[in-house]
Amino acid sequence: EKKAPLAVHIFVDSMTAVGGSQFIKSDACGDYETYLQNEVIEAVEKELSISSKPRERCVIGASSGGYGAL
């Protein structure tokens, strides 16, 4: 049938008081890097029963979001 498997999509709002975040650790805008790596992923795994297996996840982004995905 070539159907795509069920997926959960999480969109992170990275706007700060001075504009968009580059998803980095910044004294000016905040520690978005650690926030995404630790708090956001942990909360998503807990609240939505998402697998923690790397082969079952995909993180993507465009422009600054691509940097954040790295």
PDB file of N, CA and C in Angstrom:
ATOM      1  N   GLU A   1       0.823  -1.213   0.000  1.00  0.00           N
ATOM      2  CA  GLU A   1       0.000   0.000   0.000  1.00  0.00           C
ATOM      3  C   GLU A   1       0.854   1.259   0.000  1.00  0.00           C
ATOM      4  N   LYS A   2       2.117   1.150   0.364  1.00  0.00           N
ATOM      5  CA  LYS A   2       3.054   2.272   0.389  1.00  0.00           C
ATOM      6  C   LYS A   2       2.571   3.438   1.253  1.00  0.00           C
ATOM      7  N   LYS A   3       2.027   3.128   2.406  1.00  0.00           N
ATOM      8  CA  LYS A   3       1.562   4.165   3.324  1.00  0.00           C
ATOM      9  C   LYS A   3       2.689   4.537   4.289  1.00  0.00           C
ATOM     10  N   ALA A   4       2.771   5.791   4.600  1.00  0.00           N
ATOM     11  CA  ALA A   4       3.768   6.260   5.564  1.00  0.00           C
ATOM     12  C   ALA A   4       3.338   5.843   6.970  1.00  0.00           C
ATOM     13  N   PRO A   5       4.294   5.499   7.837  1.00  0.00           N
ATOM     14  CA  PRO A   5       3.944   5.138   9.212  1.00  0.00           C
ATOM     15  C   PRO A   5       3.457   6.366   9.991  1.00  0.00           C
ATOM     16  N   LEU A   6       2.744   6.109  11.057  1.00  0.00           N
ATOM     17  CA  LEU A   6       2.274   7.172  11.941  1.00  0.00           C
ATOM     18  C   LEU A   6       3.465   7.977  12.452  1.00  0.00           C
ATOM     19  N   ALA A   7       3.337   9.285  12.490  1.00  0.00           N
ATOM     20  CA  ALA A   7       4.431  10.143  12.934  1.00  0.00           C
ATOM     21  C   ALA A   7       3.910  11.267  13.813  1.00  0.00           C
ATOM     22  N   VAL A   8       4.759  11.745  14.700  1.00  0.00           N
ATOM     23  CA  VAL A   8       4.468  12.902  15.542  1.00  0.00           C
ATOM     24  C   VAL A   8       5.393  14.020  15.090  1.00  0.00           C
ATOM     25  N   HIS A   9       4.832  15.189  14.858  1.00  0.00           N
ATOM     26  CA  HIS A   9       5.619  16.346  14.427  1.00  0.00           C
ATOM     27  C   HIS A   9       5.608  17.380  15.548  1.00  0.00           C
ATOM     28  N   ILE A  10       6.785  17.820  15.963  1.00  0.00           N
ATOM     29  CA  ILE A  10       6.924  18.818  17.020  1.00  0.00           C
ATOM     30  C   ILE A  10       7.544  20.068  16.395  1.00  0.00           C
ATOM     31  N   PHE A  11       6.900  21.199  16.561  1.00  0.00           N
ATOM     32  CA  PHE A  11       7.416  22.461  16.040  1.00  0.00           C
ATOM     33  C   PHE A  11       7.811  23.339  17.221  1.00  0.00           C
ATOM     34  N   VAL A  12       9.065  23.759  17.245  1.00  0.00           N
ATOM     35  CA  VAL A  12       9.589  24.555  18.354  1.00  0.00           C
ATOM     36  C   VAL A  12       9.528  26.036  17.984  1.00  0.00           C
ATOM     37  N   ASP A  13       8.870  26.826  18.832  1.00  0.00           N
ATOM     38  CA  ASP A  13       8.820  28.277  18.637  1.00  0.00           C
ATOM     39  C   ASP A  13      10.112  28.860  19.186  1.00  0.00           C
ATOM     40  N   SER A  14      10.932  29.387  18.331  1.00  0.00           N
ATOM     41  CA  SER A  14      12.247  29.876  18.760  1.00  0.00           C
ATOM     42  C   SER A  14      12.352  31.395  18.758  1.00  0.00           C
ATOM     43  N   MET A  15      11.228  32.071  18.769  1.00  0.00           N
ATOM     44  CA  MET A  15      11.278  33.533  18.773  1.00  0.00           C
ATOM     45  C   MET A  15      11.653  34.045  20.161  1.00  0.00           C
ATOM     46  N   THR A  16      12.542  35.010  20.179  1.00  0.00           N
ATOM     47  CA  THR A  16      12.977  35.641  21.420  1.00  0.00           C
ATOM     48  C   THR A  16      12.590  37.118  21.371  1.00  0.00           C
ATOM     49  N   ALA A  17      12.898  37.838  22.431  1.00  0.00           N
ATOM     50  CA  ALA A  17      12.583  39.269  22.476  1.00  0.00           C
ATOM     51  C   ALA A  17      13.350  40.061  21.415  1.00  0.00           C
ATOM     52  N   VAL A  18      14.461  39.494  20.923  1.00  0.00           N
ATOM     53  CA  VAL A  18      15.272  40.207  19.925  1.00  0.00           C
ATOM     54  C   VAL A  18      15.198  39.544  18.542  1.00  0.00           C
ATOM     55  N   GLY A  19      14.263  38.645  18.362  1.00  0.00           N
ATOM     56  CA  GLY A  19      14.119  37.958  17.073  1.00  0.00           C
ATOM     57  C   GLY A  19      14.263  36.462  17.233  1.00  0.00           C
ATOM     58  N   GLY A  20      14.477  35.768  16.147  1.00  0.00           N
ATOM     59  CA  GLY A  20      14.580  34.316  16.170  1.00  0.00           C
ATOM     60  C   GLY A  20      15.886  33.822  16.759  1.00  0.00           C
ATOM     61  N   SER A  21      15.854  32.665  17.352  1.00  0.00           N
ATOM     62  CA  SER A  21      17.032  32.041  17.933  1.00  0.00           C
ATOM     63  C   SER A  21      17.806  31.278  16.873  1.00  0.00           C
ATOM     64  N   GLN A  22      19.081  31.150  17.059  1.00  0.00           N
ATOM     65  CA  GLN A  22      19.913  30.311  16.203  1.00  0.00           C
ATOM     66  C   GLN A  22      20.078  28.928  16.830  1.00  0.00           C
ATOM     67  N   PHE A  23      19.305  28.624  17.865  1.00  0.00           N
ATOM     68  CA  PHE A  23      19.367  27.345  18.570  1.00  0.00           C
ATOM     69  C   PHE A  23      20.762  27.075  19.129  1.00  0.00           C
ATOM     70  N   ILE A  24      21.371  28.108  19.675  1.00  0.00           N
ATOM     71  CA  ILE A  24      22.702  27.974  20.256  1.00  0.00           C
ATOM     72  C   ILE A  24      22.656  28.406  21.722  1.00  0.00           C
ATOM     73  N   LYS A  25      23.742  28.202  22.414  1.00  0.00           N
ATOM     74  CA  LYS A  25      23.878  28.696  23.788  1.00  0.00           C
ATOM     75  C   LYS A  25      24.373  30.130  23.690  1.00  0.00           C
ATOM     76  N   SER A  26      23.516  31.069  24.077  1.00  0.00           N
ATOM     77  CA  SER A  26      23.829  32.482  23.902  1.00  0.00           C
ATOM     78  C   SER A  26      23.537  33.258  25.175  1.00  0.00           C
ATOM     79  N   ASP A  27      24.481  34.086  25.587  1.00  0.00           N
ATOM     80  CA  ASP A  27      24.249  34.947  26.747  1.00  0.00           C
ATOM     81  C   ASP A  27      23.167  35.980  26.445  1.00  0.00           C
ATOM     82  N   ALA A  28      23.050  36.390  25.194  1.00  0.00           N
ATOM     83  CA  ALA A  28      22.092  37.421  24.813  1.00  0.00           C
ATOM     84  C   ALA A  28      20.667  36.889  24.701  1.00  0.00           C
ATOM     85  N   CYS A  29      20.487  35.692  24.120  1.00  0.00           N
ATOM     86  CA  CYS A  29      19.140  35.174  23.843  1.00  0.00           C
ATOM     87  C   CYS A  29      18.728  34.013  24.734  1.00  0.00           C
ATOM     88  N   GLY A  30      19.686  33.344  25.346  1.00  0.00           N
ATOM     89  CA  GLY A  30      19.367  32.208  26.197  1.00  0.00           C
ATOM     90  C   GLY A  30      20.049  30.939  25.715  1.00  0.00           C
ATOM     91  N   ASP A  31      19.912  29.900  26.510  1.00  0.00           N
ATOM     92  CA  ASP A  31      20.565  28.626  26.222  1.00  0.00           C
ATOM     93  C   ASP A  31      19.596  27.693  25.491  1.00  0.00           C
ATOM     94  N   TYR A  32      19.290  28.025  24.246  1.00  0.00           N
ATOM     95  CA  TYR A  32      18.356  27.226  23.462  1.00  0.00           C
ATOM     96  C   TYR A  32      18.906  25.836  23.159  1.00  0.00           C
ATOM     97  N   GLU A  33      20.203  25.716  22.987  1.00  0.00           N
ATOM     98  CA  GLU A  33      20.809  24.422  22.664  1.00  0.00           C
ATOM     99  C   GLU A  33      20.512  23.392  23.761  1.00  0.00           C
ATOM    100  N   THR A  34      20.825  23.733  25.003  1.00  0.00           N
ATOM    101  CA  THR A  34      20.589  22.818  26.117  1.00  0.00           C
ATOM    102  C   THR A  34      19.102  22.603  26.341  1.00  0.00           C
ATOM    103  N   TYR A  35      18.317  23.655  26.191  1.00  0.00           N
ATOM    104  CA  TYR A  35      16.867  23.555  26.346  1.00  0.00           C
ATOM    105  C   TYR A  35      16.281  22.526  25.389  1.00  0.00           C
ATOM    106  N   LEU A  36      16.668  22.583  24.120  1.00  0.00           N
ATOM    107  CA  LEU A  36      16.162  21.623  23.141  1.00  0.00           C
ATOM    108  C   LEU A  36      16.663  20.212  23.439  1.00  0.00           C
ATOM    109  N   GLN A  37      17.947  20.078  23.698  1.00  0.00           N
ATOM    110  CA  GLN A  37      18.542  18.755  23.906  1.00  0.00           C
ATOM    111  C   GLN A  37      18.013  18.064  25.150  1.00  0.00           C
ATOM    112  N   ASN A  38      17.795  18.809  26.193  1.00  0.00           N
ATOM    113  CA  ASN A  38      17.408  18.196  27.461  1.00  0.00           C
ATOM    114  C   ASN A  38      15.919  18.307  27.755  1.00  0.00           C
ATOM    115  N   GLU A  39      15.408  19.508  27.854  1.00  0.00           N
ATOM    116  CA  GLU A  39      14.041  19.703  28.312  1.00  0.00           C
ATOM    117  C   GLU A  39      12.972  19.366  27.269  1.00  0.00           C
ATOM    118  N   VAL A  40      13.123  19.837  26.042  1.00  0.00           N
ATOM    119  CA  VAL A  40      12.082  19.610  25.036  1.00  0.00           C
ATOM    120  C   VAL A  40      11.985  18.127  24.682  1.00  0.00           C
ATOM    121  N   ILE A  41      13.105  17.506  24.370  1.00  0.00           N
ATOM    122  CA  ILE A  41      13.086  16.097  23.986  1.00  0.00           C
ATOM    123  C   ILE A  41      12.565  15.234  25.127  1.00  0.00           C
ATOM    124  N   GLU A  42      13.008  15.501  26.345  1.00  0.00           N
ATOM    125  CA  GLU A  42      12.547  14.740  27.505  1.00  0.00           C
ATOM    126  C   GLU A  42      11.036  14.891  27.700  1.00  0.00           C
ATOM    127  N   ALA A  43      10.527  16.091  27.578  1.00  0.00           N
ATOM    128  CA  ALA A  43       9.093  16.332  27.752  1.00  0.00           C
ATOM    129  C   ALA A  43       8.279  15.633  26.670  1.00  0.00           C
ATOM    130  N   VAL A  44       8.755  15.679  25.436  1.00  0.00           N
ATOM    131  CA  VAL A  44       8.045  15.021  24.330  1.00  0.00           C
ATOM    132  C   VAL A  44       8.022  13.509  24.549  1.00  0.00           C
ATOM    133  N   GLU A  45       9.161  12.925  24.912  1.00  0.00           N
ATOM    134  CA  GLU A  45       9.218  11.487  25.163  1.00  0.00           C
ATOM    135  C   GLU A  45       8.269  11.077  26.286  1.00  0.00           C
ATOM    136  N   LYS A  46       8.199  11.897  27.318  1.00  0.00           N
ATOM    137  CA  LYS A  46       7.351  11.579  28.470  1.00  0.00           C
ATOM    138  C   LYS A  46       5.864  11.759  28.161  1.00  0.00           C
ATOM    139  N   GLU A  47       5.505  12.891  27.595  1.00  0.00           N
ATOM    140  CA  GLU A  47       4.100  13.217  27.367  1.00  0.00           C
ATOM    141  C   GLU A  47       3.459  12.422  26.236  1.00  0.00           C
ATOM    142  N   LEU A  48       4.234  12.098  25.218  1.00  0.00           N
ATOM    143  CA  LEU A  48       3.660  11.460  24.041  1.00  0.00           C
ATOM    144  C   LEU A  48       4.112  10.012  23.856  1.00  0.00           C
ATOM    145  N   SER A  49       4.802   9.464  24.840  1.00  0.00           N
ATOM    146  CA  SER A  49       5.308   8.094  24.763  1.00  0.00           C
ATOM    147  C   SER A  49       6.085   7.840  23.472  1.00  0.00           C
ATOM    148  N   ILE A  50       6.956   8.778  23.139  1.00  0.00           N
ATOM    149  CA  ILE A  50       7.789   8.686  21.943  1.00  0.00           C
ATOM    150  C   ILE A  50       9.005   7.811  22.254  1.00  0.00           C
ATOM    151  N   SER A  51       9.397   6.997  21.307  1.00  0.00           N
ATOM    152  CA  SER A  51      10.570   6.138  21.478  1.00  0.00           C
ATOM    153  C   SER A  51      11.835   6.977  21.625  1.00  0.00           C
ATOM    154  N   SER A  52      12.749   6.512  22.456  1.00  0.00           N
ATOM    155  CA  SER A  52      14.035   7.201  22.611  1.00  0.00           C
ATOM    156  C   SER A  52      15.108   6.574  21.724  1.00  0.00           C
ATOM    157  N   LYS A  53      14.741   5.607  20.899  1.00  0.00           N
ATOM    158  CA  LYS A  53      15.698   4.947  20.007  1.00  0.00           C
ATOM    159  C   LYS A  53      16.050   5.875  18.844  1.00  0.00           C
ATOM    160  N   PRO A  54      17.331   6.159  18.649  1.00  0.00           N
ATOM    161  CA  PRO A  54      17.732   7.061  17.557  1.00  0.00           C
ATOM    162  C   PRO A  54      17.230   6.620  16.178  1.00  0.00           C
ATOM    163  N   ARG A  55      17.146   5.331  15.915  1.00  0.00           N
ATOM    164  CA  ARG A  55      16.718   4.868  14.592  1.00  0.00           C
ATOM    165  C   ARG A  55      15.227   5.084  14.345  1.00  0.00           C
ATOM    166  N   GLU A  56      14.511   5.482  15.385  1.00  0.00           N
ATOM    167  CA  GLU A  56      13.073   5.714  15.260  1.00  0.00           C
ATOM    168  C   GLU A  56      12.724   7.196  15.323  1.00  0.00           C
ATOM    169  N   ARG A  57      13.707   8.039  15.070  1.00  0.00           N
ATOM    170  CA  ARG A  57      13.432   9.481  15.148  1.00  0.00           C
ATOM    171  C   ARG A  57      14.171  10.216  14.052  1.00  0.00           C
ATOM    172  N   CYS A  58      13.622  11.337  13.691  1.00  0.00           N
ATOM    173  CA  CYS A  58      14.220  12.191  12.665  1.00  0.00           C
ATOM    174  C   CYS A  58      14.062  13.639  13.120  1.00  0.00           C
ATOM    175  N   VAL A  59      15.145  14.374  13.103  1.00  0.00           N
ATOM    176  CA  VAL A  59      15.098  15.784  13.484  1.00  0.00           C
ATOM    177  C   VAL A  59      15.544  16.583  12.268  1.00  0.00           C
ATOM    178  N   ILE A  60      14.687  17.472  11.813  1.00  0.00           N
ATOM    179  CA  ILE A  60      14.996  18.270  10.635  1.00  0.00           C
ATOM    180  C   ILE A  60      14.669  19.736  10.885  1.00  0.00           C
ATOM    181  N   GLY A  61      15.169  20.589  10.041  1.00  0.00           N
ATOM    182  CA  GLY A  61      14.865  21.999  10.134  1.00  0.00           C
ATOM    183  C   GLY A  61      15.388  22.721   8.903  1.00  0.00           C
ATOM    184  N   ALA A  62      14.906  23.907   8.691  1.00  0.00           N
ATOM    185  CA  ALA A  62      15.346  24.729   7.566  1.00  0.00           C
ATOM    186  C   ALA A  62      15.981  25.997   8.100  1.00  0.00           C
ATOM    187  N   SER A  63      16.975  26.485   7.443  1.00  0.00           N
ATOM    188  CA  SER A  63      17.674  27.709   7.813  1.00  0.00           C
ATOM    189  C   SER A  63      18.234  27.559   9.230  1.00  0.00           C
ATOM    190  N   SER A  64      17.871  28.421  10.147  1.00  0.00           N
ATOM    191  CA  SER A  64      18.353  28.315  11.531  1.00  0.00           C
ATOM    192  C   SER A  64      17.878  27.027  12.183  1.00  0.00           C
ATOM    193  N   GLY A  65      16.717  26.550  11.798  1.00  0.00           N
ATOM    194  CA  GLY A  65      16.210  25.291  12.313  1.00  0.00           C
ATOM    195  C   GLY A  65      17.068  24.116  11.888  1.00  0.00           C
ATOM    196  N   GLY A  66      17.688  24.214  10.730  1.00  0.00           N
ATOM    197  CA  GLY A  66      18.624  23.185  10.280  1.00  0.00           C
ATOM    198  C   GLY A  66      19.836  23.138  11.190  1.00  0.00           C
ATOM    199  N   TYR A  67      20.310  24.293  11.585  1.00  0.00           N
ATOM    200  CA  TYR A  67      21.429  24.372  12.530  1.00  0.00           C
ATOM    201  C   TYR A  67      20.995  23.749  13.858  1.00  0.00           C
ATOM    202  N   GLY A  68      19.799  24.083  14.293  1.00  0.00           N
ATOM    203  CA  GLY A  68      19.285  23.515  15.540  1.00  0.00           C
ATOM    204  C   GLY A  68      19.147  22.010  15.468  1.00  0.00           C
ATOM    205  N   ALA A  69      18.770  21.494  14.310  1.00  0.00           N
ATOM    206  CA  ALA A  69      18.619  20.045  14.151  1.00  0.00           C
ATOM    207  C   ALA A  69      19.965  19.328  14.268  1.00  0.00           C
ATOM    208  N   LEU A  70      21.014  20.005  13.824  1.00  0.00           N
ATOM    209  CA  LEU A  70      22.333  19.392  13.940  1.00  0.00           C
ATOM    210  C   LEU A  70      22.702  19.195  15.384  1.00  0.00           C
TER     211      LEU A  70
END
